[in-house]
């Protein structure tokens, strides 16, 4: 969820490929239109938000920015289906669909959601993604929507990020690994 890093990668890809290619970014919260506006004229970008763990979760959000053509959207939907996934189109809006409605959950929800059929609860998921990445997504969604109280990023998560407790990649987050 680092726009500068993504733009650097997109520019390198454009330097190596002919014009007219469609770039795709797996993002949880960054505006596709904002990213696209920083690309050279004529470049096109789409967001494909694969959910973690990607090997288990079937949903893929297709975030079509202003430059996505209808036939490209149809091709992406068909391709996603060949992966055994379920594509869902959404507008370029803060947090898209799922990250906009999935904030915040209390810790005890993990067990309830897993019992209801989720592959993992939200705290296990944040540990898998990385609390630093998840916190950045939470901040982006909250700010882009005008900082509503109901979406305010968790102070507990901010403390964990500040302490370097980033989840699996650091050995500790909400759980110890």
C-alpha atoms as a PDB file:
ATOM      1  CA  UNK A   1       0.000   0.000   0.000  1.00  0.00           C
ATOM      2  CA  UNK A   2       2.834   2.323  -0.939  1.00  0.00           C
ATOM      3  CA  UNK A   3       1.936   4.561  -3.923  1.00  0.00           C
ATOM      4  CA  UNK A   4       5.533   5.636  -4.603  1.00  0.00           C
ATOM      5  CA  UNK A   5       6.755   2.033  -4.795  1.00  0.00           C
ATOM      6  CA  UNK A   6       3.890   1.086  -7.097  1.00  0.00           C
ATOM      7  CA  UNK A   7       4.545   4.040  -9.394  1.00  0.00           C
ATOM      8  CA  UNK A   8       8.232   3.130  -9.604  1.00  0.00           C
ATOM      9  CA  UNK A   9       7.305  -0.434 -10.597  1.00  0.00           C
ATOM     10  CA  UNK A  10       4.687   0.717 -13.125  1.00  0.00           C
ATOM     11  CA  UNK A  11       7.203   3.059 -14.754  1.00  0.00           C
ATOM     12  CA  UNK A  12       9.756   0.231 -15.010  1.00  0.00           C
ATOM     13  CA  UNK A  13       7.105  -2.006 -16.610  1.00  0.00           C
ATOM     14  CA  UNK A  14       6.150   0.719 -19.076  1.00  0.00           C
ATOM     15  CA  UNK A  15       9.823   1.220 -19.966  1.00  0.00           C
ATOM     16  CA  UNK A  16      10.057  -2.490 -20.872  1.00  0.00           C
ATOM     17  CA  UNK A  17       6.768  -2.881 -22.749  1.00  0.00           C
ATOM     18  CA  UNK A  18       5.138  -1.321 -25.781  1.00  0.00           C
ATOM     19  CA  UNK A  19       2.372   1.233 -25.412  1.00  0.00           C
ATOM     20  CA  UNK A  20      -1.209   0.161 -24.991  1.00  0.00           C
ATOM     21  CA  UNK A  21      -0.659  -2.397 -22.222  1.00  0.00           C
ATOM     22  CA  UNK A  22      -3.006  -2.650 -19.275  1.00  0.00           C
ATOM     23  CA  UNK A  23      -1.290  -2.586 -15.898  1.00  0.00           C
ATOM     24  CA  UNK A  24      -2.850  -4.206 -12.840  1.00  0.00           C
ATOM     25  CA  UNK A  25      -2.261  -3.476  -9.186  1.00  0.00           C
ATOM     26  CA  UNK A  26      -3.268  -5.651  -6.251  1.00  0.00           C
ATOM     27  CA  UNK A  27      -4.321  -3.020  -3.752  1.00  0.00           C
ATOM     28  CA  UNK A  28      -6.584  -2.918  -0.745  1.00  0.00           C
ATOM     29  CA  UNK A  29      -7.202   0.818  -0.573  1.00  0.00           C
ATOM     30  CA  UNK A  30      -5.195   2.970  -2.996  1.00  0.00           C
ATOM     31  CA  UNK A  31      -7.204   4.915  -5.548  1.00  0.00           C
ATOM     32  CA  UNK A  32      -6.750   3.441  -9.011  1.00  0.00           C
ATOM     33  CA  UNK A  33      -7.624   6.783 -10.609  1.00  0.00           C
ATOM     34  CA  UNK A  34      -5.028   8.604  -8.500  1.00  0.00           C
ATOM     35  CA  UNK A  35      -2.344   6.046  -9.361  1.00  0.00           C
ATOM     36  CA  UNK A  36      -3.379   6.101 -13.014  1.00  0.00           C
ATOM     37  CA  UNK A  37      -3.182   9.897 -13.185  1.00  0.00           C
ATOM     38  CA  UNK A  38       0.533   9.726 -12.356  1.00  0.00           C
ATOM     39  CA  UNK A  39       1.245   7.399 -15.292  1.00  0.00           C
ATOM     40  CA  UNK A  40       2.250   8.683 -18.735  1.00  0.00           C
ATOM     41  CA  UNK A  41      -0.616   9.736 -21.009  1.00  0.00           C
ATOM     42  CA  UNK A  42      -2.280   6.754 -22.655  1.00  0.00           C
ATOM     43  CA  UNK A  43      -1.313   4.312 -19.897  1.00  0.00           C
ATOM     44  CA  UNK A  44      -4.108   2.323 -18.314  1.00  0.00           C
ATOM     45  CA  UNK A  45      -4.401   0.765 -14.874  1.00  0.00           C
ATOM     46  CA  UNK A  46      -6.869  -1.575 -13.194  1.00  0.00           C
ATOM     47  CA  UNK A  47      -7.045  -2.718  -9.600  1.00  0.00           C
ATOM     48  CA  UNK A  48      -7.360  -6.423  -8.871  1.00  0.00           C
ATOM     49  CA  UNK A  49      -7.862  -7.008  -5.169  1.00  0.00           C
ATOM     50  CA  UNK A  50      -7.175 -10.674  -4.357  1.00  0.00           C
ATOM     51  CA  UNK A  51      -8.151 -11.490  -0.782  1.00  0.00           C
ATOM     52  CA  UNK A  52      -5.838 -13.193   1.697  1.00  0.00           C
ATOM     53  CA  UNK A  53      -5.189 -15.997   1.874  1.00  0.00           C
ATOM     54  CA  UNK A  54      -5.439 -15.869  -1.920  1.00  0.00           C
ATOM     55  CA  UNK A  55      -5.182 -19.645  -2.241  1.00  0.00           C
ATOM     56  CA  UNK A  56      -8.382 -20.053  -0.226  1.00  0.00           C
ATOM     57  CA  UNK A  57     -10.453 -16.923  -0.773  1.00  0.00           C
ATOM     58  CA  UNK A  58     -12.470 -16.877  -4.002  1.00  0.00           C
ATOM     59  CA  UNK A  59     -13.399 -13.180  -4.206  1.00  0.00           C
ATOM     60  CA  UNK A  60     -11.465 -10.779  -6.449  1.00  0.00           C
ATOM     61  CA  UNK A  61     -12.541  -7.149  -6.690  1.00  0.00           C
ATOM     62  CA  UNK A  62     -12.024  -5.560 -10.109  1.00  0.00           C
ATOM     63  CA  UNK A  63     -11.514  -1.855  -9.558  1.00  0.00           C
ATOM     64  CA  UNK A  64     -11.935  -0.208 -12.899  1.00  0.00           C
ATOM     65  CA  UNK A  65     -10.450   3.224 -13.070  1.00  0.00           C
ATOM     66  CA  UNK A  66     -11.521   5.843 -15.551  1.00  0.00           C
ATOM     67  CA  UNK A  67      -9.412   4.294 -18.330  1.00  0.00           C
ATOM     68  CA  UNK A  68     -10.656   0.678 -18.156  1.00  0.00           C
ATOM     69  CA  UNK A  69     -12.500  -0.283 -21.323  1.00  0.00           C
ATOM     70  CA  UNK A  70     -15.638  -2.491 -21.144  1.00  0.00           C
ATOM     71  CA  UNK A  71     -14.014  -5.253 -23.219  1.00  0.00           C
ATOM     72  CA  UNK A  72     -11.001  -5.224 -20.866  1.00  0.00           C
ATOM     73  CA  UNK A  73     -13.298  -5.617 -17.855  1.00  0.00           C
ATOM     74  CA  UNK A  74     -15.017  -8.576 -19.570  1.00  0.00           C
ATOM     75  CA  UNK A  75     -11.628 -10.163 -20.339  1.00  0.00           C
ATOM     76  CA  UNK A  76     -10.494  -9.711 -16.736  1.00  0.00           C
ATOM     77  CA  UNK A  77     -13.720 -11.246 -15.414  1.00  0.00           C
ATOM     78  CA  UNK A  78     -13.276 -14.261 -17.716  1.00  0.00           C
ATOM     79  CA  UNK A  79      -9.616 -14.655 -16.710  1.00  0.00           C
ATOM     80  CA  UNK A  80     -10.438 -14.464 -12.985  1.00  0.00           C
ATOM     81  CA  UNK A  81     -13.065 -17.182 -13.453  1.00  0.00           C
ATOM     82  CA  UNK A  82     -10.430 -19.457 -15.072  1.00  0.00           C
ATOM     83  CA  UNK A  83      -8.509 -19.145 -11.795  1.00  0.00           C
ATOM     84  CA  UNK A  84     -11.523 -20.552  -9.956  1.00  0.00           C
ATOM     85  CA  UNK A  85     -12.223 -17.159  -8.422  1.00  0.00           C
ATOM     86  CA  UNK A  86     -15.340 -14.989  -8.291  1.00  0.00           C
ATOM     87  CA  UNK A  87     -14.904 -11.535  -9.850  1.00  0.00           C
ATOM     88  CA  UNK A  88     -16.903  -8.592  -8.560  1.00  0.00           C
ATOM     89  CA  UNK A  89     -16.713  -5.165 -10.139  1.00  0.00           C
ATOM     90  CA  UNK A  90     -16.593  -2.071  -8.002  1.00  0.00           C
ATOM     91  CA  UNK A  91     -16.047   1.636  -8.299  1.00  0.00           C
ATOM     92  CA  UNK A  92     -12.793   3.297  -7.399  1.00  0.00           C
ATOM     93  CA  UNK A  93     -13.781   4.365  -3.897  1.00  0.00           C
ATOM     94  CA  UNK A  94     -11.977   4.297  -0.531  1.00  0.00           C
ATOM     95  CA  UNK A  95     -11.503   0.693   0.546  1.00  0.00           C
ATOM     96  CA  UNK A  96     -13.519  -0.539  -2.458  1.00  0.00           C
ATOM     97  CA  UNK A  97     -16.182  -2.970  -1.185  1.00  0.00           C
ATOM     98  CA  UNK A  98     -14.781  -5.323   1.428  1.00  0.00           C
ATOM     99  CA  UNK A  99     -12.202  -3.104   3.159  1.00  0.00           C
ATOM    100  CA  UNK A 100     -14.787  -0.397   3.469  1.00  0.00           C
ATOM    101  CA  UNK A 101     -17.168  -2.582   5.431  1.00  0.00           C
ATOM    102  CA  UNK A 102     -14.626  -4.758   7.268  1.00  0.00           C
ATOM    103  CA  UNK A 103     -13.351  -2.191   9.794  1.00  0.00           C
ATOM    104  CA  UNK A 104     -12.970  -2.587  12.771  1.00  0.00           C
ATOM    105  CA  UNK A 105     -13.573  -5.998  14.393  1.00  0.00           C
ATOM    106  CA  UNK A 106     -13.044  -6.831  18.059  1.00  0.00           C
ATOM    107  CA  UNK A 107     -10.594  -9.664  18.832  1.00  0.00           C
ATOM    108  CA  UNK A 108     -13.232 -12.175  19.915  1.00  0.00           C
ATOM    109  CA  UNK A 109     -14.764 -12.106  16.424  1.00  0.00           C
ATOM    110  CA  UNK A 110     -11.990 -14.399  15.024  1.00  0.00           C
ATOM    111  CA  UNK A 111     -13.512 -17.518  16.531  1.00  0.00           C
ATOM    112  CA  UNK A 112     -17.070 -16.523  15.626  1.00  0.00           C
ATOM    113  CA  UNK A 113     -16.233 -15.855  11.974  1.00  0.00           C
ATOM    114  CA  UNK A 114     -14.213 -19.047  11.624  1.00  0.00           C
ATOM    115  CA  UNK A 115     -17.103 -21.011  13.130  1.00  0.00           C
ATOM    116  CA  UNK A 116     -19.369 -19.325  10.560  1.00  0.00           C
ATOM    117  CA  UNK A 117     -17.194 -20.602   7.695  1.00  0.00           C
ATOM    118  CA  UNK A 118     -14.544 -17.925   7.186  1.00  0.00           C
ATOM    119  CA  UNK A 119     -11.129 -19.465   6.488  1.00  0.00           C
ATOM    120  CA  UNK A 120      -9.602 -17.218   9.154  1.00  0.00           C
ATOM    121  CA  UNK A 121     -10.712 -14.467  11.460  1.00  0.00           C
ATOM    122  CA  UNK A 122      -9.781 -10.820  10.916  1.00  0.00           C
ATOM    123  CA  UNK A 123      -6.996 -10.734  13.511  1.00  0.00           C
ATOM    124  CA  UNK A 124      -5.347 -13.822  12.056  1.00  0.00           C
ATOM    125  CA  UNK A 125      -5.792 -12.228   8.647  1.00  0.00           C
ATOM    126  CA  UNK A 126      -4.172  -8.951   9.773  1.00  0.00           C
ATOM    127  CA  UNK A 127      -1.232 -10.953  11.134  1.00  0.00           C
ATOM    128  CA  UNK A 128      -0.933 -12.735   7.783  1.00  0.00           C
ATOM    129  CA  UNK A 129      -1.139  -9.540   5.710  1.00  0.00           C
ATOM    130  CA  UNK A 130       1.080  -7.606   8.115  1.00  0.00           C
ATOM    131  CA  UNK A 131      -0.216  -5.124  10.645  1.00  0.00           C
ATOM    132  CA  UNK A 132       1.771  -2.344   8.959  1.00  0.00           C
ATOM    133  CA  UNK A 133       0.035  -2.956   5.625  1.00  0.00           C
ATOM    134  CA  UNK A 134      -3.374  -3.413   7.222  1.00  0.00           C
ATOM    135  CA  UNK A 135      -2.967  -0.265   9.316  1.00  0.00           C
ATOM    136  CA  UNK A 136      -1.983   1.707   6.200  1.00  0.00           C
ATOM    137  CA  UNK A 137      -5.153   0.457   4.472  1.00  0.00           C
ATOM    138  CA  UNK A 138      -7.235   1.441   7.513  1.00  0.00           C
ATOM    139  CA  UNK A 139      -5.686   4.931   7.542  1.00  0.00           C
ATOM    140  CA  UNK A 140      -6.271   5.382   3.801  1.00  0.00           C
ATOM    141  CA  UNK A 141      -9.931   4.339   3.975  1.00  0.00           C
ATOM    142  CA  UNK A 142     -10.578   6.466   7.082  1.00  0.00           C
ATOM    143  CA  UNK A 143      -8.949   9.589   5.616  1.00  0.00           C
ATOM    144  CA  UNK A 144     -10.496   9.193   2.166  1.00  0.00           C
ATOM    145  CA  UNK A 145     -13.968   8.966   3.696  1.00  0.00           C
ATOM    146  CA  UNK A 146     -13.555  12.134   5.759  1.00  0.00           C
ATOM    147  CA  UNK A 147     -12.354  10.481   8.976  1.00  0.00           C
ATOM    148  CA  UNK A 148     -15.666   9.104  10.261  1.00  0.00           C
ATOM    149  CA  UNK A 149     -15.478   7.929  13.869  1.00  0.00           C
ATOM    150  CA  UNK A 150     -16.868   4.486  13.018  1.00  0.00           C
ATOM    151  CA  UNK A 151     -13.880   3.789  10.727  1.00  0.00           C
ATOM    152  CA  UNK A 152     -11.170   5.314  12.912  1.00  0.00           C
ATOM    153  CA  UNK A 153      -8.060   3.092  12.775  1.00  0.00           C
ATOM    154  CA  UNK A 154      -7.441   1.054  15.887  1.00  0.00           C
ATOM    155  CA  UNK A 155      -5.101   2.585  18.475  1.00  0.00           C
ATOM    156  CA  UNK A 156      -4.114  -0.954  19.488  1.00  0.00           C
ATOM    157  CA  UNK A 157      -3.037  -1.729  15.933  1.00  0.00           C
ATOM    158  CA  UNK A 158      -1.059   1.541  15.765  1.00  0.00           C
ATOM    159  CA  UNK A 159       0.751   0.588  18.986  1.00  0.00           C
ATOM    160  CA  UNK A 160       1.629  -2.839  17.606  1.00  0.00           C
ATOM    161  CA  UNK A 161       2.981  -1.319  14.375  1.00  0.00           C
ATOM    162  CA  UNK A 162       5.040   1.211  16.344  1.00  0.00           C
ATOM    163  CA  UNK A 163       6.435  -1.640  18.477  1.00  0.00           C
ATOM    164  CA  UNK A 164       7.377  -3.642  15.366  1.00  0.00           C
ATOM    165  CA  UNK A 165       4.807  -6.342  16.116  1.00  0.00           C
ATOM    166  CA  UNK A 166       3.716  -6.758  12.510  1.00  0.00           C
ATOM    167  CA  UNK A 167       2.290 -10.286  12.588  1.00  0.00           C
ATOM    168  CA  UNK A 168       3.817 -13.371  11.016  1.00  0.00           C
ATOM    169  CA  UNK A 169       6.663 -11.484   9.327  1.00  0.00           C
ATOM    170  CA  UNK A 170       7.985 -10.228  12.669  1.00  0.00           C
ATOM    171  CA  UNK A 171       7.012 -13.250  14.749  1.00  0.00           C
ATOM    172  CA  UNK A 172       4.336 -11.468  16.756  1.00  0.00           C
ATOM    173  CA  UNK A 173       1.231  -9.415  16.093  1.00  0.00           C
ATOM    174  CA  UNK A 174      -2.113 -10.239  17.631  1.00  0.00           C
ATOM    175  CA  UNK A 175      -0.737 -13.780  17.971  1.00  0.00           C
ATOM    176  CA  UNK A 176       2.776 -15.140  18.627  1.00  0.00           C
ATOM    177  CA  UNK A 177       4.434 -17.195  15.860  1.00  0.00           C
END
